[in-house]
Amino acid sequence: MKTTVIENFLTEDEIFEIERTFRLRYDTVLWKESTEVDNVAHSLYWYPGASYKEELSNYLNNKIETYFSSNVCDNWHILNAYTPYGIHTDSLDDEVEADTHSLPEDYKFGWTFLIPLNDYDTNTIVFNERSDKMKVSSKWISREQRNPQYLITDSEHEKYLTHQSKELVNYFSIDTIFPWKKGNLLAMPRSSFHCSDNFLNKKIIEKRAIIGWSTIPI
């Protein structure tokens, strides 16, 4: 599984209909992330209610199937990000979430799908390093006894990653830099460490995208 970018995955009309439906359906669920622990930032999430969840999943999954087969993705939602996410994965923390979250039997982590809903002068940074057992980068470094690599330059840190200490960044290496272009699709393994750039430095107070997390049969 390699990080992949597909341009013009959704058209302007498709994005308009998805956005419009989220706003008009009576049972759209809004959830505000209320705590900030380590690498977790404040965001607002829109989740489709029962009246739209199956319709949205079928529509996006049918389009995804053209490029990525055998995915099960029923967790499509809209992210409204107000502060930059730190370095993390979209897998589960086996120490914290083992009792409350688990993969379906005979499935493994699949893809994180990200589709910007507008053009933003911001990027998602995907790293080469991965973990399917830990979400938080500092825990991964400690538990895996990782050594710093010093592969990210000072200029790259200054341009993209000033919300993360250089000491932390030194443990990672860059795979993909994904600019947020409306309708383009970023597909990255859920186990890949990734983060936002520091878009607040560019006076961007919000960025929005469709997000989906998939699983794949083993």
N, C-alpha and C. Protein backbone atom coordinates (compact mmCIF):
# COMPACT_ATOMS: atom_id res chain seq x y z
N MET A 1 0.84 -1.19 0.00
CA MET A 1 0.00 0.00 0.00
C MET A 1 0.87 1.24 0.00
N LYS A 2 0.80 1.99 -1.08
CA LYS A 2 1.59 3.20 -1.22
C LYS A 2 0.66 4.41 -1.25
N THR A 3 1.10 5.47 -0.61
CA THR A 3 0.33 6.71 -0.64
C THR A 3 0.10 7.13 -2.08
N THR A 4 -1.15 7.49 -2.39
CA THR A 4 -1.56 7.76 -3.77
C THR A 4 -2.37 9.05 -3.81
N VAL A 5 -2.18 9.84 -4.85
CA VAL A 5 -2.97 11.06 -5.07
C VAL A 5 -3.71 10.91 -6.40
N ILE A 6 -5.02 11.15 -6.37
CA ILE A 6 -5.85 11.11 -7.57
C ILE A 6 -6.46 12.49 -7.76
N GLU A 7 -6.12 13.13 -8.85
CA GLU A 7 -6.62 14.48 -9.10
C GLU A 7 -8.06 14.43 -9.60
N ASN A 8 -8.82 15.47 -9.23
CA ASN A 8 -10.20 15.64 -9.70
C ASN A 8 -11.06 14.41 -9.40
N PHE A 9 -10.89 13.86 -8.21
CA PHE A 9 -11.68 12.69 -7.82
C PHE A 9 -13.15 13.04 -7.70
N LEU A 10 -13.45 14.20 -7.11
CA LEU A 10 -14.81 14.71 -7.05
C LEU A 10 -14.92 16.00 -7.85
N THR A 11 -16.03 16.17 -8.57
CA THR A 11 -16.26 17.38 -9.34
C THR A 11 -16.86 18.46 -8.44
N GLU A 12 -16.92 19.68 -8.97
CA GLU A 12 -17.58 20.78 -8.25
C GLU A 12 -19.03 20.42 -7.93
N ASP A 13 -19.73 19.83 -8.89
CA ASP A 13 -21.14 19.48 -8.68
C ASP A 13 -21.28 18.41 -7.60
N GLU A 14 -20.41 17.42 -7.59
CA GLU A 14 -20.48 16.37 -6.58
C GLU A 14 -20.25 16.94 -5.19
N ILE A 15 -19.26 17.80 -5.06
CA ILE A 15 -18.97 18.42 -3.76
C ILE A 15 -20.15 19.28 -3.32
N PHE A 16 -20.73 20.02 -4.25
CA PHE A 16 -21.89 20.86 -3.92
C PHE A 16 -23.02 20.02 -3.35
N GLU A 17 -23.33 18.89 -3.97
CA GLU A 17 -24.44 18.06 -3.51
C GLU A 17 -24.15 17.44 -2.15
N ILE A 18 -22.92 17.00 -1.93
CA ILE A 18 -22.56 16.43 -0.62
C ILE A 18 -22.66 17.49 0.47
N GLU A 19 -22.10 18.66 0.22
CA GLU A 19 -22.16 19.76 1.19
C GLU A 19 -23.61 20.17 1.46
N ARG A 20 -24.38 20.30 0.40
CA ARG A 20 -25.78 20.72 0.52
C ARG A 20 -26.57 19.72 1.36
N THR A 21 -26.35 18.42 1.10
CA THR A 21 -27.10 17.41 1.83
C THR A 21 -26.75 17.39 3.30
N PHE A 22 -25.46 17.54 3.62
CA PHE A 22 -25.06 17.60 5.02
C PHE A 22 -25.77 18.74 5.74
N ARG A 23 -25.95 19.85 5.08
CA ARG A 23 -26.56 21.01 5.72
C ARG A 23 -28.08 20.87 5.87
N LEU A 24 -28.72 20.16 4.94
CA LEU A 24 -30.18 20.12 4.93
C LEU A 24 -30.77 18.94 5.69
N ARG A 25 -30.03 17.84 5.83
CA ARG A 25 -30.60 16.68 6.52
C ARG A 25 -30.76 16.96 8.01
N TYR A 26 -31.88 16.57 8.53
CA TYR A 26 -32.23 16.88 9.92
C TYR A 26 -31.35 16.15 10.93
N ASP A 27 -30.79 15.00 10.52
CA ASP A 27 -30.09 14.16 11.50
C ASP A 27 -28.57 14.17 11.35
N THR A 28 -28.02 15.15 10.63
CA THR A 28 -26.57 15.31 10.60
C THR A 28 -26.06 15.53 12.03
N VAL A 29 -24.99 14.83 12.38
CA VAL A 29 -24.45 14.88 13.74
C VAL A 29 -23.20 15.75 13.75
N LEU A 30 -23.15 16.72 14.64
CA LEU A 30 -21.98 17.56 14.82
C LEU A 30 -21.29 17.16 16.12
N TRP A 31 -19.97 16.95 16.04
CA TRP A 31 -19.21 16.59 17.23
C TRP A 31 -17.97 17.45 17.32
N LYS A 32 -17.84 18.18 18.41
CA LYS A 32 -16.69 19.05 18.63
C LYS A 32 -15.68 18.34 19.51
N GLU A 33 -14.47 18.22 19.01
CA GLU A 33 -13.40 17.61 19.81
C GLU A 33 -13.05 18.57 20.94
N SER A 34 -13.23 18.12 22.17
CA SER A 34 -13.18 19.05 23.30
C SER A 34 -11.90 18.98 24.11
N THR A 35 -11.07 17.98 23.86
CA THR A 35 -9.83 17.87 24.62
C THR A 35 -8.64 17.90 23.68
N GLU A 36 -7.52 18.28 24.22
CA GLU A 36 -6.29 18.32 23.44
C GLU A 36 -5.21 17.58 24.23
N VAL A 37 -4.90 16.38 23.81
CA VAL A 37 -3.93 15.54 24.51
C VAL A 37 -2.83 15.16 23.52
N ASP A 38 -1.63 15.56 23.82
CA ASP A 38 -0.47 15.21 22.99
C ASP A 38 -0.66 15.69 21.56
N ASN A 39 -1.00 14.78 20.64
CA ASN A 39 -1.06 15.14 19.22
C ASN A 39 -2.48 15.37 18.70
N VAL A 40 -3.44 15.56 19.56
CA VAL A 40 -4.81 15.71 19.12
C VAL A 40 -5.22 17.19 19.18
N ALA A 41 -5.78 17.68 18.10
CA ALA A 41 -6.12 19.11 18.01
C ALA A 41 -7.64 19.31 18.03
N HIS A 42 -8.07 20.53 18.27
CA HIS A 42 -9.48 20.87 18.27
C HIS A 42 -10.03 20.91 16.86
N SER A 43 -11.13 20.20 16.63
CA SER A 43 -11.79 20.16 15.34
C SER A 43 -13.28 19.97 15.55
N LEU A 44 -14.04 20.23 14.48
CA LEU A 44 -15.47 19.96 14.45
C LEU A 44 -15.73 18.95 13.36
N TYR A 45 -16.51 17.91 13.68
CA TYR A 45 -16.79 16.86 12.71
C TYR A 45 -18.28 16.83 12.38
N TRP A 46 -18.60 16.65 11.11
CA TRP A 46 -19.97 16.40 10.67
C TRP A 46 -20.08 14.93 10.30
N TYR A 47 -20.97 14.20 10.96
CA TYR A 47 -21.23 12.80 10.63
C TYR A 47 -22.63 12.68 10.03
N PRO A 48 -22.76 11.93 8.94
CA PRO A 48 -24.10 11.76 8.36
C PRO A 48 -24.99 10.94 9.29
N GLY A 49 -26.25 11.37 9.41
CA GLY A 49 -27.20 10.58 10.17
C GLY A 49 -27.70 9.40 9.36
N ALA A 50 -28.62 8.66 9.94
CA ALA A 50 -29.13 7.45 9.29
C ALA A 50 -29.77 7.75 7.93
N SER A 51 -30.31 8.95 7.76
CA SER A 51 -31.00 9.27 6.51
C SER A 51 -30.04 9.47 5.34
N TYR A 52 -28.74 9.59 5.63
CA TYR A 52 -27.77 9.90 4.56
C TYR A 52 -26.54 9.00 4.58
N LYS A 53 -26.29 8.33 5.70
CA LYS A 53 -25.04 7.58 5.85
C LYS A 53 -24.86 6.52 4.77
N GLU A 54 -25.89 5.70 4.54
CA GLU A 54 -25.77 4.63 3.55
C GLU A 54 -25.63 5.20 2.14
N GLU A 55 -26.41 6.23 1.85
CA GLU A 55 -26.34 6.86 0.52
C GLU A 55 -24.95 7.44 0.25
N LEU A 56 -24.41 8.16 1.22
CA LEU A 56 -23.07 8.75 1.06
C LEU A 56 -22.01 7.67 0.93
N SER A 57 -22.08 6.64 1.78
CA SER A 57 -21.09 5.56 1.74
C SER A 57 -21.13 4.84 0.40
N ASN A 58 -22.32 4.52 -0.07
CA ASN A 58 -22.42 3.81 -1.35
C ASN A 58 -21.86 4.65 -2.49
N TYR A 59 -22.16 5.92 -2.47
CA TYR A 59 -21.70 6.80 -3.55
C TYR A 59 -20.18 6.90 -3.57
N LEU A 60 -19.59 7.21 -2.43
CA LEU A 60 -18.14 7.39 -2.39
C LEU A 60 -17.41 6.05 -2.55
N ASN A 61 -17.95 5.00 -1.96
CA ASN A 61 -17.29 3.69 -2.07
C ASN A 61 -17.29 3.18 -3.51
N ASN A 62 -18.36 3.43 -4.24
CA ASN A 62 -18.39 3.03 -5.65
C ASN A 62 -17.31 3.75 -6.45
N LYS A 63 -17.08 5.02 -6.14
CA LYS A 63 -16.02 5.76 -6.83
C LYS A 63 -14.64 5.27 -6.39
N ILE A 64 -14.50 4.99 -5.09
CA ILE A 64 -13.22 4.50 -4.57
C ILE A 64 -12.86 3.16 -5.19
N GLU A 65 -13.87 2.31 -5.40
CA GLU A 65 -13.63 0.95 -5.90
C GLU A 65 -12.93 0.95 -7.25
N THR A 66 -13.06 2.03 -8.01
CA THR A 66 -12.38 2.14 -9.29
C THR A 66 -10.87 2.09 -9.13
N TYR A 67 -10.39 2.60 -8.00
CA TYR A 67 -8.95 2.72 -7.77
C TYR A 67 -8.44 1.76 -6.69
N PHE A 68 -9.27 1.50 -5.68
CA PHE A 68 -8.84 0.70 -4.53
C PHE A 68 -9.92 -0.35 -4.25
N SER A 69 -9.63 -1.59 -4.56
CA SER A 69 -10.62 -2.64 -4.42
C SER A 69 -10.62 -3.23 -3.01
N SER A 70 -11.69 -3.94 -2.70
CA SER A 70 -11.82 -4.72 -1.45
C SER A 70 -11.82 -3.85 -0.20
N ASN A 71 -12.23 -2.58 -0.32
CA ASN A 71 -12.30 -1.72 0.85
C ASN A 71 -13.68 -1.80 1.50
N VAL A 72 -13.69 -1.74 2.81
CA VAL A 72 -14.93 -1.55 3.56
C VAL A 72 -14.79 -0.20 4.25
N CYS A 73 -15.59 0.77 3.83
CA CYS A 73 -15.48 2.13 4.38
C CYS A 73 -16.87 2.66 4.68
N ASP A 74 -17.25 2.63 5.96
CA ASP A 74 -18.56 3.15 6.36
C ASP A 74 -18.41 4.28 7.37
N ASN A 75 -17.25 4.92 7.37
CA ASN A 75 -17.00 6.03 8.30
C ASN A 75 -16.58 7.27 7.52
N TRP A 76 -17.46 7.72 6.64
CA TRP A 76 -17.23 8.96 5.91
C TRP A 76 -17.79 10.13 6.73
N HIS A 77 -17.03 11.21 6.81
CA HIS A 77 -17.47 12.38 7.55
C HIS A 77 -16.73 13.60 7.02
N ILE A 78 -17.14 14.76 7.49
CA ILE A 78 -16.48 16.01 7.11
C ILE A 78 -15.71 16.54 8.30
N LEU A 79 -14.43 16.81 8.07
CA LEU A 79 -13.56 17.41 9.07
C LEU A 79 -13.51 18.92 8.88
N ASN A 80 -13.71 19.66 9.96
CA ASN A 80 -13.47 21.10 10.01
C ASN A 80 -12.33 21.32 10.99
N ALA A 81 -11.14 21.56 10.49
CA ALA A 81 -9.95 21.66 11.34
C ALA A 81 -9.64 23.13 11.64
N TYR A 82 -9.44 23.42 12.93
CA TYR A 82 -9.15 24.78 13.37
C TYR A 82 -7.73 24.95 13.87
N THR A 83 -7.09 23.89 14.28
CA THR A 83 -5.68 23.92 14.65
C THR A 83 -4.99 22.73 14.02
N PRO A 84 -3.71 22.83 13.71
CA PRO A 84 -3.02 21.76 12.97
C PRO A 84 -2.86 20.49 13.80
N TYR A 85 -3.18 19.37 13.19
CA TYR A 85 -2.92 18.08 13.82
C TYR A 85 -1.42 17.83 13.87
N GLY A 86 -0.98 17.21 14.98
CA GLY A 86 0.39 16.77 15.08
C GLY A 86 0.58 15.41 14.43
N ILE A 87 1.76 14.87 14.55
CA ILE A 87 2.12 13.61 13.89
C ILE A 87 1.41 12.45 14.58
N HIS A 88 0.62 11.68 13.80
CA HIS A 88 -0.17 10.60 14.34
C HIS A 88 -0.50 9.61 13.22
N THR A 89 -1.07 8.47 13.59
CA THR A 89 -1.62 7.53 12.62
C THR A 89 -3.14 7.49 12.79
N ASP A 90 -3.81 6.82 11.85
CA ASP A 90 -5.25 6.58 11.99
C ASP A 90 -5.53 5.12 12.30
N SER A 91 -4.56 4.46 12.93
CA SER A 91 -4.80 3.15 13.50
C SER A 91 -5.26 3.33 14.94
N LEU A 92 -5.36 2.25 15.69
CA LEU A 92 -5.84 2.32 17.07
C LEU A 92 -4.69 2.19 18.06
N ASP A 93 -4.84 2.80 19.21
CA ASP A 93 -3.86 2.66 20.28
C ASP A 93 -4.16 1.38 21.03
N ASP A 94 -3.30 0.38 20.90
CA ASP A 94 -3.60 -0.93 21.49
C ASP A 94 -3.63 -0.91 23.01
N GLU A 95 -3.05 0.11 23.64
CA GLU A 95 -3.06 0.19 25.10
C GLU A 95 -4.32 0.88 25.62
N VAL A 96 -4.83 1.84 24.86
CA VAL A 96 -5.94 2.66 25.32
C VAL A 96 -7.27 2.18 24.78
N GLU A 97 -7.30 1.77 23.51
CA GLU A 97 -8.56 1.51 22.84
C GLU A 97 -8.87 0.04 22.60
N ALA A 98 -8.04 -0.85 23.08
CA ALA A 98 -8.22 -2.27 22.79
C ALA A 98 -9.57 -2.79 23.29
N ASP A 99 -10.05 -2.26 24.41
CA ASP A 99 -11.30 -2.76 24.98
C ASP A 99 -12.54 -2.12 24.37
N THR A 100 -12.39 -0.96 23.76
CA THR A 100 -13.55 -0.23 23.26
C THR A 100 -13.61 -0.17 21.75
N HIS A 101 -12.49 -0.35 21.07
CA HIS A 101 -12.44 -0.34 19.61
C HIS A 101 -11.62 -1.54 19.15
N SER A 102 -12.07 -2.14 18.09
CA SER A 102 -11.30 -3.24 17.54
C SER A 102 -11.61 -3.39 16.05
N LEU A 103 -10.71 -4.00 15.33
CA LEU A 103 -10.96 -4.29 13.93
C LEU A 103 -11.91 -5.47 13.82
N PRO A 104 -12.75 -5.49 12.78
CA PRO A 104 -13.55 -6.69 12.54
C PRO A 104 -12.65 -7.90 12.35
N GLU A 105 -13.14 -9.05 12.72
CA GLU A 105 -12.36 -10.28 12.58
C GLU A 105 -11.96 -10.49 11.13
N ASP A 106 -10.71 -10.86 10.92
CA ASP A 106 -10.16 -11.15 9.59
C ASP A 106 -10.04 -9.90 8.72
N TYR A 107 -9.96 -8.73 9.34
CA TYR A 107 -9.73 -7.48 8.60
C TYR A 107 -8.48 -6.79 9.15
N LYS A 108 -7.89 -5.97 8.31
CA LYS A 108 -6.75 -5.16 8.71
C LYS A 108 -7.03 -3.70 8.36
N PHE A 109 -6.20 -2.80 8.89
CA PHE A 109 -6.36 -1.40 8.56
C PHE A 109 -6.16 -1.18 7.07
N GLY A 110 -7.02 -0.36 6.48
CA GLY A 110 -6.93 -0.04 5.07
C GLY A 110 -6.37 1.34 4.83
N TRP A 111 -7.20 2.18 4.22
CA TRP A 111 -6.77 3.51 3.79
C TRP A 111 -7.41 4.61 4.63
N THR A 112 -6.70 5.71 4.74
CA THR A 112 -7.30 6.99 5.09
C THR A 112 -7.50 7.75 3.79
N PHE A 113 -8.74 8.15 3.52
CA PHE A 113 -9.06 8.95 2.34
C PHE A 113 -9.33 10.39 2.76
N LEU A 114 -8.78 11.35 2.03
CA LEU A 114 -8.93 12.77 2.35
C LEU A 114 -9.21 13.52 1.06
N ILE A 115 -10.33 14.27 1.04
CA ILE A 115 -10.74 15.04 -0.14
C ILE A 115 -11.02 16.47 0.30
N PRO A 116 -10.14 17.43 0.00
CA PRO A 116 -10.40 18.82 0.38
C PRO A 116 -11.68 19.36 -0.26
N LEU A 117 -12.41 20.17 0.49
CA LEU A 117 -13.66 20.74 0.01
C LEU A 117 -13.49 22.14 -0.56
N ASN A 118 -12.26 22.61 -0.57
CA ASN A 118 -11.94 23.89 -1.19
C ASN A 118 -10.44 23.92 -1.43
N ASP A 119 -9.98 24.94 -2.15
CA ASP A 119 -8.54 25.14 -2.31
C ASP A 119 -8.02 25.88 -1.08
N TYR A 120 -7.00 25.31 -0.44
CA TYR A 120 -6.38 25.93 0.72
C TYR A 120 -4.87 25.94 0.54
N ASP A 121 -4.25 26.99 1.00
CA ASP A 121 -2.78 27.06 0.96
C ASP A 121 -2.22 26.29 2.14
N THR A 122 -2.43 24.99 2.11
CA THR A 122 -2.00 24.13 3.19
C THR A 122 -1.72 22.74 2.63
N ASN A 123 -1.08 21.89 3.44
CA ASN A 123 -0.66 20.56 2.97
C ASN A 123 -0.85 19.54 4.08
N THR A 124 -1.04 18.28 3.66
CA THR A 124 -0.91 17.15 4.56
C THR A 124 0.44 16.50 4.30
N ILE A 125 1.18 16.25 5.36
CA ILE A 125 2.51 15.64 5.25
C ILE A 125 2.38 14.17 5.65
N VAL A 126 2.72 13.28 4.73
CA VAL A 126 2.70 11.84 5.00
C VAL A 126 4.14 11.36 5.13
N PHE A 127 4.40 10.61 6.20
CA PHE A 127 5.75 10.14 6.47
C PHE A 127 5.89 8.67 6.06
N ASN A 128 7.12 8.24 5.91
CA ASN A 128 7.40 6.85 5.56
C ASN A 128 7.16 5.89 6.72
N GLU A 129 7.24 6.38 7.93
CA GLU A 129 7.15 5.54 9.12
C GLU A 129 5.68 5.15 9.37
N ARG A 130 5.48 3.92 9.91
CA ARG A 130 4.13 3.41 10.10
C ARG A 130 4.01 2.65 11.43
N SER A 131 2.78 2.58 11.92
CA SER A 131 2.47 1.74 13.07
C SER A 131 0.99 1.39 13.02
N ASP A 132 0.66 0.11 13.20
CA ASP A 132 -0.74 -0.28 13.27
C ASP A 132 -1.19 -0.53 14.70
N LYS A 133 -0.35 -0.14 15.67
CA LYS A 133 -0.67 -0.36 17.08
C LYS A 133 -0.67 0.92 17.91
N MET A 134 -0.13 1.99 17.36
CA MET A 134 -0.03 3.23 18.13
C MET A 134 -0.40 4.42 17.26
N LYS A 135 -1.20 5.31 17.83
CA LYS A 135 -1.61 6.52 17.13
C LYS A 135 -0.65 7.68 17.40
N VAL A 136 -0.17 7.76 18.61
CA VAL A 136 0.58 8.93 19.05
C VAL A 136 2.07 8.73 18.79
N SER A 137 2.68 9.67 18.11
CA SER A 137 4.07 9.51 17.67
C SER A 137 5.04 9.37 18.83
N SER A 138 4.86 10.13 19.91
CA SER A 138 5.80 10.07 21.03
C SER A 138 5.78 8.70 21.70
N LYS A 139 4.59 8.08 21.80
CA LYS A 139 4.49 6.74 22.37
C LYS A 139 5.18 5.71 21.48
N TRP A 140 5.00 5.87 20.17
CA TRP A 140 5.63 4.97 19.22
C TRP A 140 7.15 5.04 19.33
N ILE A 141 7.69 6.24 19.41
CA ILE A 141 9.14 6.41 19.55
C ILE A 141 9.65 5.72 20.79
N SER A 142 8.93 5.89 21.90
CA SER A 142 9.36 5.32 23.17
C SER A 142 9.25 3.79 23.17
N ARG A 143 8.09 3.29 22.76
CA ARG A 143 7.87 1.84 22.83
C ARG A 143 8.73 1.06 21.83
N GLU A 144 8.93 1.66 20.67
CA GLU A 144 9.73 0.98 19.63
C GLU A 144 11.22 1.29 19.76
N GLN A 145 11.56 2.15 20.73
CA GLN A 145 12.96 2.54 20.94
C GLN A 145 13.60 3.01 19.63
N ARG A 146 12.91 3.93 19.00
CA ARG A 146 13.38 4.45 17.72
C ARG A 146 14.56 5.39 17.92
N ASN A 147 15.38 5.49 16.91
CA ASN A 147 16.50 6.43 16.90
C ASN A 147 16.21 7.55 15.91
N PRO A 148 16.61 8.77 16.22
CA PRO A 148 16.39 9.86 15.27
C PRO A 148 17.14 9.63 13.97
N GLN A 149 16.54 10.12 12.87
CA GLN A 149 17.12 9.93 11.54
C GLN A 149 17.72 11.21 10.96
N TYR A 150 17.22 12.34 11.40
CA TYR A 150 17.71 13.65 10.93
C TYR A 150 17.59 13.79 9.41
N LEU A 151 16.47 13.31 8.86
CA LEU A 151 16.29 13.33 7.41
C LEU A 151 15.41 14.50 6.93
N ILE A 152 14.79 15.21 7.87
CA ILE A 152 13.99 16.38 7.51
C ILE A 152 14.81 17.62 7.80
N THR A 153 15.01 18.44 6.78
CA THR A 153 15.91 19.58 6.88
C THR A 153 15.29 20.69 7.73
N ASP A 154 16.13 21.60 8.16
CA ASP A 154 15.65 22.76 8.91
C ASP A 154 14.68 23.58 8.07
N SER A 155 14.94 23.70 6.78
CA SER A 155 14.06 24.49 5.91
C SER A 155 12.70 23.81 5.75
N GLU A 156 12.67 22.48 5.66
CA GLU A 156 11.40 21.76 5.59
C GLU A 156 10.63 21.90 6.89
N HIS A 157 11.34 21.82 8.00
CA HIS A 157 10.69 22.02 9.29
C HIS A 157 10.10 23.41 9.39
N GLU A 158 10.84 24.40 8.96
CA GLU A 158 10.39 25.78 9.04
C GLU A 158 9.19 26.03 8.12
N LYS A 159 9.15 25.37 6.97
CA LYS A 159 8.10 25.60 5.99
C LYS A 159 6.80 24.89 6.37
N TYR A 160 6.89 23.69 6.94
CA TYR A 160 5.70 22.87 7.13
C TYR A 160 5.38 22.52 8.59
N LEU A 161 6.39 22.39 9.44
CA LEU A 161 6.21 21.62 10.68
C LEU A 161 6.57 22.38 11.95
N THR A 162 6.41 23.68 11.95
CA THR A 162 6.81 24.46 13.12
C THR A 162 5.89 24.22 14.32
N HIS A 163 4.74 23.58 14.13
CA HIS A 163 3.89 23.24 15.27
C HIS A 163 4.37 21.96 15.96
N GLN A 164 5.42 21.32 15.41
CA GLN A 164 6.04 20.15 16.00
C GLN A 164 7.51 20.46 16.26
N SER A 165 8.02 20.01 17.38
CA SER A 165 9.41 20.31 17.71
C SER A 165 10.34 19.62 16.71
N LYS A 166 11.47 20.24 16.46
CA LYS A 166 12.46 19.62 15.57
C LYS A 166 12.96 18.31 16.16
N GLU A 167 13.00 18.24 17.48
CA GLU A 167 13.43 17.00 18.14
C GLU A 167 12.51 15.85 17.77
N LEU A 168 11.19 16.09 17.74
CA LEU A 168 10.25 15.04 17.35
C LEU A 168 10.35 14.75 15.86
N VAL A 169 10.40 15.78 15.05
CA VAL A 169 10.42 15.63 13.59
C VAL A 169 11.63 14.81 13.14
N ASN A 170 12.71 14.87 13.89
CA ASN A 170 13.94 14.16 13.51
C ASN A 170 13.76 12.64 13.43
N TYR A 171 12.69 12.13 14.00
CA TYR A 171 12.46 10.68 13.97
C TYR A 171 11.73 10.23 12.69
N PHE A 172 11.40 11.17 11.82
CA PHE A 172 10.56 10.86 10.66
C PHE A 172 11.23 11.27 9.35
N SER A 173 10.71 10.71 8.26
CA SER A 173 11.15 11.07 6.92
C SER A 173 9.92 11.24 6.04
N ILE A 174 9.97 12.18 5.11
CA ILE A 174 8.79 12.55 4.33
C ILE A 174 8.60 11.62 3.14
N ASP A 175 7.38 11.11 3.03
CA ASP A 175 6.97 10.33 1.86
C ASP A 175 6.29 11.22 0.84
N THR A 176 5.21 11.90 1.26
CA THR A 176 4.38 12.68 0.33
C THR A 176 3.96 13.99 0.98
N ILE A 177 3.97 15.06 0.20
CA ILE A 177 3.40 16.34 0.61
C ILE A 177 2.19 16.59 -0.29
N PHE A 178 1.01 16.61 0.30
CA PHE A 178 -0.24 16.70 -0.44
C PHE A 178 -0.83 18.09 -0.29
N PRO A 179 -0.83 18.91 -1.36
CA PRO A 179 -1.48 20.22 -1.30
C PRO A 179 -3.00 20.05 -1.30
N TRP A 180 -3.68 20.90 -0.55
CA TRP A 180 -5.13 20.80 -0.45
C TRP A 180 -5.79 21.51 -1.64
N LYS A 181 -6.06 20.72 -2.68
CA LYS A 181 -6.73 21.18 -3.88
C LYS A 181 -8.13 20.58 -3.91
N LYS A 182 -9.12 21.42 -4.11
CA LYS A 182 -10.52 21.00 -4.06
C LYS A 182 -10.79 19.82 -4.97
N GLY A 183 -11.36 18.74 -4.42
CA GLY A 183 -11.77 17.59 -5.19
C GLY A 183 -10.71 16.54 -5.41
N ASN A 184 -9.44 16.85 -5.13
CA ASN A 184 -8.39 15.84 -5.25
C ASN A 184 -8.49 14.85 -4.08
N LEU A 185 -7.98 13.65 -4.31
CA LEU A 185 -8.04 12.61 -3.29
C LEU A 185 -6.64 12.21 -2.84
N LEU A 186 -6.42 12.23 -1.54
CA LEU A 186 -5.22 11.64 -0.94
C LEU A 186 -5.63 10.31 -0.32
N ALA A 187 -4.96 9.23 -0.71
CA ALA A 187 -5.17 7.92 -0.10
C ALA A 187 -3.85 7.48 0.51
N MET A 188 -3.84 7.28 1.81
CA MET A 188 -2.62 6.86 2.50
C MET A 188 -2.97 5.70 3.43
N PRO A 189 -2.05 4.78 3.66
CA PRO A 189 -2.32 3.71 4.62
C PRO A 189 -2.67 4.29 5.99
N ARG A 190 -3.65 3.74 6.64
CA ARG A 190 -4.05 4.25 7.96
C ARG A 190 -2.91 4.13 8.97
N SER A 191 -1.99 3.23 8.73
CA SER A 191 -0.87 3.04 9.64
C SER A 191 0.24 4.06 9.42
N SER A 192 0.15 4.87 8.37
CA SER A 192 1.19 5.86 8.09
C SER A 192 1.09 7.04 9.06
N PHE A 193 2.23 7.42 9.63
CA PHE A 193 2.25 8.66 10.39
C PHE A 193 2.08 9.82 9.43
N HIS A 194 1.30 10.81 9.85
CA HIS A 194 1.04 11.97 9.01
C HIS A 194 0.62 13.13 9.90
N CYS A 195 0.59 14.32 9.31
CA CYS A 195 0.14 15.48 10.06
C CYS A 195 -0.19 16.60 9.09
N SER A 196 -0.82 17.62 9.62
CA SER A 196 -1.03 18.86 8.87
C SER A 196 0.25 19.68 8.86
N ASP A 197 0.34 20.63 7.94
CA ASP A 197 1.34 21.66 8.11
C ASP A 197 0.79 22.71 9.09
N ASN A 198 1.57 23.70 9.41
CA ASN A 198 1.14 24.71 10.37
C ASN A 198 0.39 25.82 9.64
N PHE A 199 -0.87 25.52 9.26
CA PHE A 199 -1.63 26.46 8.43
C PHE A 199 -1.99 27.74 9.16
N LEU A 200 -1.92 27.74 10.49
CA LEU A 200 -2.20 28.98 11.22
C LEU A 200 -1.17 30.05 10.91
N ASN A 201 0.04 29.64 10.57
CA ASN A 201 1.08 30.61 10.20
C ASN A 201 0.72 31.35 8.92
N LYS A 202 -0.20 30.77 8.13
CA LYS A 202 -0.62 31.40 6.88
C LYS A 202 -1.95 32.14 7.05
N LYS A 203 -2.36 32.33 8.30
CA LYS A 203 -3.60 33.03 8.64
C LYS A 203 -4.84 32.29 8.14
N ILE A 204 -4.76 30.97 8.06
CA ILE A 204 -5.91 30.14 7.74
C ILE A 204 -6.52 29.68 9.05
N ILE A 205 -7.79 30.00 9.28
CA ILE A 205 -8.40 29.68 10.57
C ILE A 205 -9.26 28.41 10.50
N GLU A 206 -9.51 27.91 9.29
CA GLU A 206 -10.29 26.69 9.14
C GLU A 206 -9.97 26.05 7.80
N LYS A 207 -9.91 24.72 7.79
CA LYS A 207 -9.84 23.99 6.52
C LYS A 207 -10.76 22.79 6.63
N ARG A 208 -11.37 22.41 5.52
CA ARG A 208 -12.43 21.42 5.55
C ARG A 208 -12.17 20.34 4.51
N ALA A 209 -12.49 19.10 4.86
CA ALA A 209 -12.28 17.99 3.93
C ALA A 209 -13.21 16.84 4.27
N ILE A 210 -13.51 16.02 3.27
CA ILE A 210 -14.18 14.75 3.50
C ILE A 210 -13.12 13.73 3.90
N ILE A 211 -13.41 12.97 4.95
CA ILE A 211 -12.49 11.96 5.45
C ILE A 211 -13.19 10.60 5.48
N GLY A 212 -12.46 9.56 5.11
CA GLY A 212 -12.97 8.20 5.24
C GLY A 212 -11.87 7.27 5.72
N TRP A 213 -12.21 6.33 6.59
CA TRP A 213 -11.25 5.32 7.07
C TRP A 213 -11.76 3.94 6.66
N SER A 214 -10.92 3.17 5.99
CA SER A 214 -11.38 1.87 5.50
C SER A 214 -10.65 0.72 6.19
N THR A 215 -11.25 -0.46 6.08
CA THR A 215 -10.61 -1.70 6.45
C THR A 215 -10.57 -2.60 5.23
N ILE A 216 -9.68 -3.61 5.25
CA ILE A 216 -9.48 -4.48 4.10
C ILE A 216 -9.46 -5.93 4.60
N PRO A 217 -10.12 -6.84 3.90
CA PRO A 217 -10.07 -8.25 4.31
C PRO A 217 -8.64 -8.76 4.26
N ILE A 218 -8.27 -9.56 5.25
CA ILE A 218 -6.94 -10.15 5.27
C ILE A 218 -6.90 -11.30 4.26
